[in-house]
Protein backbone atom coordinates (compact mmCIF):
# COMPACT_ATOMS: atom_id res chain seq x y z
CA MET A 1 -74.20 -41.88 41.51
CA SER A 2 -71.18 -41.43 43.66
CA ILE A 3 -73.19 -42.95 46.48
CA ALA A 4 -74.51 -45.91 44.47
CA SER A 5 -71.15 -46.52 42.83
CA PRO A 6 -67.99 -44.88 44.19
CA ASN A 7 -66.06 -45.85 41.01
CA PHE A 8 -68.54 -43.98 38.74
CA LYS A 9 -66.83 -41.21 36.77
CA ASN A 10 -68.90 -38.47 35.35
CA THR A 11 -68.43 -37.42 31.72
CA SER A 12 -69.62 -34.24 30.02
CA ARG A 13 -72.15 -34.22 27.34
CA TYR A 14 -69.46 -32.80 25.01
CA THR A 15 -67.23 -35.75 25.66
CA ALA A 16 -70.02 -38.21 25.18
CA ALA A 17 -71.03 -36.49 21.85
CA ARG A 18 -67.47 -36.48 20.68
CA ASP A 19 -67.01 -40.06 21.56
CA VAL A 20 -70.31 -41.21 19.78
CA LEU A 21 -69.36 -39.26 16.69
CA MET A 22 -65.91 -40.67 16.63
CA TYR A 23 -67.37 -44.21 16.97
CA TYR A 24 -69.87 -43.50 14.35
CA ALA A 25 -67.28 -42.31 11.77
CA LYS A 26 -64.98 -45.24 12.44
CA GLU A 27 -67.84 -47.72 12.00
CA ARG A 28 -69.06 -45.82 8.87
CA ASP A 29 -65.59 -46.21 7.35
CA HIS A 30 -65.44 -49.93 8.24
CA VAL A 31 -68.81 -50.48 6.58
CA LYS A 32 -67.83 -48.66 3.42
CA LYS A 33 -64.56 -50.70 3.17
CA LYS A 34 -66.64 -54.02 3.50
CA LEU A 35 -69.23 -52.90 1.01
CA ALA A 36 -66.52 -51.85 -1.50
CA LYS A 37 -65.01 -55.36 -1.38
CA ALA A 38 -68.46 -57.19 -1.72
CA PRO A 39 -68.89 -58.80 -5.09
CA GLY A 40 -71.83 -57.44 -7.24
CA LEU A 41 -73.95 -54.37 -6.80
CA ILE A 42 -75.69 -53.22 -3.56
CA SER A 43 -78.87 -51.07 -3.65
CA LEU A 44 -80.01 -49.41 -0.48
CA THR A 45 -83.59 -48.11 -0.39
CA SER A 46 -86.14 -46.70 2.10
CA ASP A 47 -89.73 -46.20 2.14
CA ASN A 48 -91.62 -43.98 4.46
């Protein structure tokens, strides 16, 4: 990648996994807050 794009910066898989999990937790909390403010009841179901 350094030949194709000299500005490319490698990241380790641990850093990528940490960042993804941190983003997921932040978004999950955001969705929980939005759903808590929603009027009425919400039912989530799944069918396999």
